[in-house]
Amino acid sequence: ARDRRDDWSKIFPGRPVKNIEKYRSEEFQVKGTGVWLHYFQPPTDFVPGDESCKDKPLLSFDFDYIVPGIHQYAPWTPRAWRHTDAPYILREDLSWDDWFAPQRKHAAEIVERYIRFNPMMERRAKCSLPNPEFSLGMHIRHGDKYLERHVIPTSTFYRYAKEFVKNGGGSIYVASDSAKVFEEIDNYWPEQIASHVVRQPSVVGLTSNETAAFDLGVSAHRTNVEALTDLLTLSKCTFFLHGLSALSEAVLFINPGLIERSINLEDPDHEHKDPNYFVTEMMPKGK
């Protein structure tokens, strides 16, 4: 750390140190089926042991190099909100839209190059949202939101859902980590609105408090599949309502064209984008 009195979040690992030892070939045994292929197609046709990887350095990082290292201080890392103390990253002189813009552009280029969901995940998204035409996606994140972020009441989303349906909208895909969100929709939304709501079936990773879905004790594979299904399905919607969330940002990385048809309900600069604005200014863009 720069100072022993600094807290953990201010640890700055410093520059990597080059190992002066001569590179040598080694064999590694990797157990398991490979997490990546459970959800995505191979990013390239590279095969381990290919000639191209010989005599190239193998880099290893201590955890502090990743978090808070890259996570907090790397200027090229896309972020879902301002979770850093570094002024050159915070850029509080910028609006959220202007702050997000270069990060979203960079991330979308990387995603387009490397991220392709496998057929199983594509089928799950299609089953979750059979009719994506003129649809509204809602990501209602209630678990694990604190400090810089706020819980957006389900009633706020309802105001948009009501006007969406009234003006000819189709399916409303709701992605949430909260069982209480779905209980509120089922018990309090009028039938003419609730009948438009579709969701991923048989979700296990739902919290009833502020606990994050990935901390509920559900298997990592199950929560991965559920989160990625929501991510892919939301990216196929015509319109998108969300707050500050890594999953919401990833939706816009997959489908950057959705940015102009989305509203960040935690952005003070989006306060004028009320349900009337949504109907008059945004819905025509989806036709």
Protein backbone atom coordinates (compact mmCIF):
# COMPACT_ATOMS: atom_id res chain seq x y z
CA ALA A 1 0.00 0.00 0.00
CA ARG A 2 1.09 3.59 -0.43
CA ASP A 3 0.70 4.03 3.30
CA ARG A 4 0.31 1.31 5.90
CA ARG A 5 -2.61 3.25 7.38
CA ASP A 6 -4.55 3.08 4.11
CA ASP A 7 -7.57 0.82 4.09
CA TRP A 8 -7.75 -2.18 1.77
CA SER A 9 -9.56 -0.33 -1.04
CA LYS A 10 -6.60 2.02 -1.45
CA ILE A 11 -3.99 -0.67 -2.00
CA PHE A 12 -2.00 0.11 -5.13
CA PRO A 13 -0.02 -2.99 -6.11
CA GLY A 14 2.63 -1.17 -8.15
CA ARG A 15 4.28 -2.22 -11.38
CA PRO A 16 4.79 -5.88 -12.32
CA VAL A 17 8.34 -7.12 -11.79
CA LYS A 18 9.92 -9.01 -14.66
CA ASN A 19 11.26 -12.39 -13.75
CA ILE A 20 14.85 -12.53 -14.89
CA GLU A 21 14.79 -16.31 -15.13
CA LYS A 22 14.91 -17.69 -18.64
CA TYR A 23 11.56 -18.91 -19.89
CA ARG A 24 11.19 -22.64 -19.96
CA SER A 25 8.48 -25.01 -21.14
CA GLU A 26 6.24 -26.60 -18.56
CA GLU A 27 3.16 -28.77 -18.68
CA PHE A 28 0.05 -27.92 -16.68
CA GLN A 29 -2.80 -30.24 -15.82
CA VAL A 30 -6.16 -28.48 -15.79
CA LYS A 31 -9.09 -30.34 -14.26
CA GLY A 32 -12.73 -29.74 -15.14
CA THR A 33 -14.70 -29.19 -18.31
CA GLY A 34 -13.85 -25.53 -18.81
CA VAL A 35 -16.22 -22.90 -17.43
CA TRP A 36 -16.22 -20.80 -20.60
CA LEU A 37 -17.67 -23.48 -22.88
CA HIS A 38 -20.66 -24.01 -20.59
CA TYR A 39 -21.98 -20.63 -21.71
CA PHE A 40 -20.00 -19.35 -24.70
CA GLN A 41 -18.50 -20.53 -27.95
CA PRO A 42 -14.69 -20.61 -28.21
CA PRO A 43 -13.38 -17.08 -28.88
CA THR A 44 -10.84 -18.41 -31.42
CA ASP A 45 -9.76 -21.69 -32.99
CA PHE A 46 -6.64 -21.69 -30.79
CA VAL A 47 -5.55 -25.08 -29.47
CA PRO A 48 -3.33 -25.34 -26.34
CA GLY A 49 0.17 -26.38 -27.34
CA ASP A 50 0.08 -24.42 -30.59
CA GLU A 51 3.47 -23.22 -31.81
CA SER A 52 2.36 -19.60 -31.49
CA CYS A 53 2.36 -19.75 -27.68
CA LYS A 54 5.83 -21.13 -27.20
CA ASP A 55 8.47 -18.83 -25.70
CA LYS A 56 5.84 -16.29 -24.65
CA PRO A 57 5.74 -15.08 -21.05
CA LEU A 58 3.14 -16.40 -18.66
CA LEU A 59 1.87 -13.67 -16.36
CA SER A 60 0.46 -14.37 -12.92
CA PHE A 61 -1.24 -11.88 -10.62
CA ASP A 62 -1.77 -11.75 -6.91
CA PHE A 63 -5.38 -10.97 -5.99
CA ASP A 64 -4.48 -7.39 -5.10
CA TYR A 65 -3.45 -6.79 -8.69
CA ILE A 66 -7.00 -7.65 -9.76
CA VAL A 67 -9.00 -6.14 -6.89
CA PRO A 68 -8.50 -3.36 -6.10
CA GLY A 69 -5.69 -3.05 -8.70
CA ILE A 70 -7.30 -3.26 -12.14
CA HIS A 71 -10.81 -3.04 -10.69
CA GLN A 72 -10.18 0.29 -8.97
CA TYR A 73 -7.42 2.01 -10.90
CA ALA A 74 -7.07 0.82 -14.51
CA PRO A 75 -8.39 3.62 -16.78
CA TRP A 76 -9.35 1.16 -19.55
CA THR A 77 -11.59 -1.04 -17.38
CA PRO A 78 -15.35 -0.64 -18.08
CA ARG A 79 -17.26 0.14 -14.89
CA ALA A 80 -20.93 -0.06 -13.97
CA TRP A 81 -20.75 2.93 -11.61
CA ARG A 82 -18.13 5.19 -10.03
CA HIS A 83 -16.62 2.70 -7.57
CA THR A 84 -13.16 4.22 -7.16
CA ASP A 85 -11.32 7.00 -5.35
CA ALA A 86 -9.11 7.86 -8.34
CA PRO A 87 -10.02 11.36 -9.65
CA TYR A 88 -8.87 10.51 -13.19
CA ILE A 89 -11.50 7.75 -13.27
CA LEU A 90 -14.24 9.39 -11.22
CA ARG A 91 -14.45 12.40 -13.56
CA GLU A 92 -17.25 14.00 -11.59
CA ASP A 93 -17.25 16.84 -14.12
CA LEU A 94 -18.93 14.47 -16.58
CA SER A 95 -22.56 13.38 -16.72
CA TRP A 96 -23.25 9.65 -16.35
CA ASP A 97 -23.93 9.38 -20.09
CA ASP A 98 -20.65 11.08 -21.01
CA TRP A 99 -18.76 9.06 -18.40
CA PHE A 100 -20.20 5.77 -19.67
CA ALA A 101 -19.84 6.51 -23.41
CA PRO A 102 -16.15 5.62 -24.02
CA GLN A 103 -16.31 2.66 -21.64
CA ARG A 104 -19.37 1.24 -23.40
CA LYS A 105 -17.75 1.72 -26.80
CA HIS A 106 -14.58 -0.07 -25.73
CA ALA A 107 -16.48 -2.89 -24.02
CA ALA A 108 -18.85 -3.37 -26.99
CA GLU A 109 -15.85 -3.78 -29.32
CA ILE A 110 -14.35 -6.45 -27.05
CA VAL A 111 -17.68 -8.26 -26.68
CA GLU A 112 -18.30 -8.26 -30.44
CA ARG A 113 -14.86 -9.74 -31.00
CA TYR A 114 -14.83 -12.46 -28.35
CA ILE A 115 -18.25 -13.14 -26.78
CA ARG A 116 -20.62 -15.48 -28.58
CA PHE A 117 -23.20 -17.36 -26.53
CA ASN A 118 -23.45 -21.06 -27.18
CA PRO A 119 -26.62 -22.69 -28.60
CA MET A 120 -27.87 -23.75 -25.15
CA MET A 121 -27.84 -20.17 -23.88
CA GLU A 122 -29.48 -18.89 -27.07
CA ARG A 123 -32.27 -21.44 -26.62
CA ARG A 124 -32.79 -20.37 -23.02
CA ALA A 125 -33.14 -16.73 -24.07
CA LYS A 126 -35.58 -17.62 -26.83
CA CYS A 127 -37.70 -19.67 -24.44
CA SER A 128 -37.66 -16.87 -21.85
CA LEU A 129 -38.80 -14.24 -24.37
CA PRO A 130 -40.57 -15.97 -27.28
CA ASN A 131 -41.82 -12.66 -28.74
CA PRO A 132 -39.09 -9.98 -28.52
CA GLU A 133 -40.73 -7.68 -31.07
CA PHE A 134 -41.58 -4.27 -29.55
CA SER A 135 -40.77 -5.52 -26.06
CA LEU A 136 -39.68 -3.78 -22.87
CA GLY A 137 -36.87 -5.16 -20.73
CA MET A 138 -36.64 -4.29 -17.04
CA HIS A 139 -33.69 -5.08 -14.81
CA ILE A 140 -34.85 -4.56 -11.23
CA ARG A 141 -31.80 -5.12 -9.03
CA HIS A 142 -32.57 -5.05 -5.28
CA GLY A 143 -29.89 -7.31 -3.75
CA ASP A 144 -26.36 -6.15 -2.90
CA LYS A 145 -27.01 -2.45 -3.65
CA TYR A 146 -25.35 -0.04 -1.26
CA LEU A 147 -23.01 2.96 -1.02
CA GLU A 148 -23.13 4.65 -4.45
CA ARG A 149 -26.30 2.89 -5.62
CA HIS A 150 -29.96 2.94 -4.65
CA VAL A 151 -32.80 0.44 -4.69
CA ILE A 152 -35.41 1.53 -7.24
CA PRO A 153 -38.94 0.61 -6.11
CA THR A 154 -40.85 -1.78 -8.33
CA SER A 155 -43.62 0.83 -8.38
CA THR A 156 -41.32 3.13 -10.40
CA PHE A 157 -41.01 0.50 -13.10
CA TYR A 158 -44.77 -0.04 -13.01
CA ARG A 159 -45.41 3.55 -14.15
CA TYR A 160 -43.51 2.82 -17.37
CA ALA A 161 -45.07 -0.63 -17.81
CA LYS A 162 -48.55 0.87 -17.57
CA GLU A 163 -47.90 3.45 -20.30
CA PHE A 164 -46.05 0.91 -22.42
CA VAL A 165 -49.05 -1.43 -22.49
CA LYS A 166 -51.51 1.44 -22.97
CA ASN A 167 -49.64 2.51 -26.09
CA GLY A 168 -49.45 -0.81 -27.85
CA GLY A 169 -46.43 -2.41 -26.19
CA GLY A 170 -45.83 -6.14 -26.31
CA SER A 171 -43.99 -8.36 -23.85
CA ILE A 172 -42.39 -6.97 -20.69
CA TYR A 173 -39.39 -9.06 -19.72
CA VAL A 174 -38.56 -8.68 -16.01
CA ALA A 175 -35.15 -9.73 -14.73
CA SER A 176 -34.61 -9.45 -11.00
CA ASP A 177 -32.59 -10.97 -8.19
CA SER A 178 -35.44 -10.37 -5.72
CA ALA A 179 -38.30 -12.72 -4.93
CA LYS A 180 -40.18 -9.73 -3.49
CA VAL A 181 -40.19 -7.98 -6.87
CA PHE A 182 -42.02 -10.87 -8.49
CA GLU A 183 -44.40 -11.15 -5.52
CA GLU A 184 -45.30 -7.47 -5.93
CA ILE A 185 -45.91 -7.89 -9.65
CA ASP A 186 -48.04 -11.01 -9.13
CA ASN A 187 -50.07 -9.56 -6.25
CA TYR A 188 -50.44 -5.87 -7.03
CA TRP A 189 -50.04 -5.17 -10.73
CA PRO A 190 -53.38 -5.13 -12.58
CA GLU A 191 -54.05 -8.13 -14.76
CA GLN A 192 -53.99 -6.11 -17.98
CA ILE A 193 -50.40 -5.11 -17.18
CA ALA A 194 -49.19 -8.27 -15.43
CA SER A 195 -50.40 -10.40 -18.35
CA HIS A 196 -47.67 -8.82 -20.50
CA VAL A 197 -44.93 -9.76 -18.03
CA VAL A 198 -42.67 -12.68 -18.90
CA ARG A 199 -39.70 -13.95 -16.93
CA GLN A 200 -37.09 -16.66 -16.95
CA PRO A 201 -38.77 -19.79 -15.59
CA SER A 202 -37.64 -21.76 -12.53
CA VAL A 203 -35.11 -19.24 -11.21
CA VAL A 204 -33.50 -20.39 -7.95
CA GLY A 205 -31.11 -17.49 -7.27
CA LEU A 206 -33.65 -15.06 -5.79
CA THR A 207 -33.01 -13.15 -2.59
CA SER A 208 -35.56 -11.93 -0.06
CA ASN A 209 -33.28 -9.27 1.42
CA GLU A 210 -30.12 -7.36 0.46
CA THR A 211 -28.02 -10.50 0.00
CA ALA A 212 -26.57 -10.87 -3.49
CA ALA A 213 -27.90 -13.81 -5.49
CA PHE A 214 -24.39 -15.27 -5.79
CA ASP A 215 -24.09 -15.35 -1.98
CA LEU A 216 -27.25 -17.41 -1.38
CA GLY A 217 -25.52 -20.78 -1.41
CA VAL A 218 -26.95 -21.76 -4.81
CA SER A 219 -24.41 -23.48 -7.07
CA ALA A 220 -22.19 -21.10 -9.02
CA HIS A 221 -23.11 -22.81 -12.29
CA ARG A 222 -26.83 -22.36 -11.64
CA THR A 223 -26.52 -18.66 -10.79
CA ASN A 224 -24.23 -18.16 -13.80
CA VAL A 225 -26.79 -19.70 -16.14
CA GLU A 226 -29.63 -17.66 -14.66
CA ALA A 227 -27.76 -14.34 -14.76
CA LEU A 228 -26.45 -14.90 -18.29
CA THR A 229 -29.92 -15.92 -19.51
CA ASP A 230 -31.32 -12.65 -18.18
CA LEU A 231 -28.41 -10.76 -19.72
CA LEU A 232 -28.86 -12.25 -23.18
CA THR A 233 -32.65 -11.95 -23.09
CA LEU A 234 -32.61 -8.30 -22.01
CA SER A 235 -30.24 -7.53 -24.89
CA LYS A 236 -32.91 -8.72 -27.33
CA CYS A 237 -35.59 -6.34 -25.99
CA THR A 238 -36.62 -3.22 -27.91
CA PHE A 239 -36.49 -0.91 -24.87
CA PHE A 240 -34.64 -1.16 -21.58
CA LEU A 241 -35.20 0.26 -18.08
CA HIS A 242 -32.50 -0.25 -15.48
CA GLY A 243 -30.38 1.18 -12.67
CA LEU A 244 -26.65 1.12 -11.94
CA SER A 245 -25.64 -2.50 -12.32
CA ALA A 246 -22.89 -4.55 -13.95
CA LEU A 247 -25.49 -6.79 -15.59
CA SER A 248 -27.35 -3.79 -17.01
CA GLU A 249 -24.14 -2.40 -18.46
CA ALA A 250 -23.30 -5.78 -19.98
CA VAL A 251 -26.68 -5.76 -21.74
CA LEU A 252 -25.60 -2.53 -23.47
CA PHE A 253 -22.20 -4.03 -24.33
CA ILE A 254 -23.95 -6.88 -26.16
CA ASN A 255 -26.44 -4.59 -27.89
CA PRO A 256 -25.01 -1.04 -28.04
CA GLY A 257 -27.92 0.02 -30.25
CA LEU A 258 -30.13 -0.31 -27.18
CA ILE A 259 -28.43 2.65 -25.46
CA GLU A 260 -30.63 5.22 -27.23
CA ARG A 261 -33.72 3.24 -26.25
CA SER A 262 -32.81 2.80 -22.58
CA ILE A 263 -33.38 4.82 -19.40
CA ASN A 264 -31.14 4.66 -16.34
CA LEU A 265 -33.54 5.31 -13.49
CA GLU A 266 -30.64 6.08 -11.11
CA ASP A 267 -29.24 8.82 -13.34
CA PRO A 268 -30.30 12.32 -12.13
CA ASP A 269 -29.93 13.57 -15.71
CA HIS A 270 -32.62 11.09 -16.76
CA GLU A 271 -35.24 12.53 -14.40
CA HIS A 272 -36.97 14.21 -17.34
CA LYS A 273 -37.30 10.81 -19.01
CA ASP A 274 -40.57 10.08 -17.28
CA PRO A 275 -43.27 7.73 -18.64
CA ASN A 276 -44.60 10.50 -20.89
CA TYR A 277 -41.13 11.01 -22.39
CA PHE A 278 -40.81 7.26 -22.80
CA VAL A 279 -44.04 7.11 -24.79
CA THR A 280 -43.60 10.21 -26.93
CA GLU A 281 -39.84 10.23 -27.54
CA MET A 282 -38.55 6.71 -27.08
CA MET A 283 -41.26 4.29 -28.17
CA PRO A 284 -41.36 5.67 -31.75
CA LYS A 285 -37.67 4.73 -32.09
CA GLY A 286 -38.57 1.06 -31.70
CA LYS A 287 -41.09 0.91 -34.54
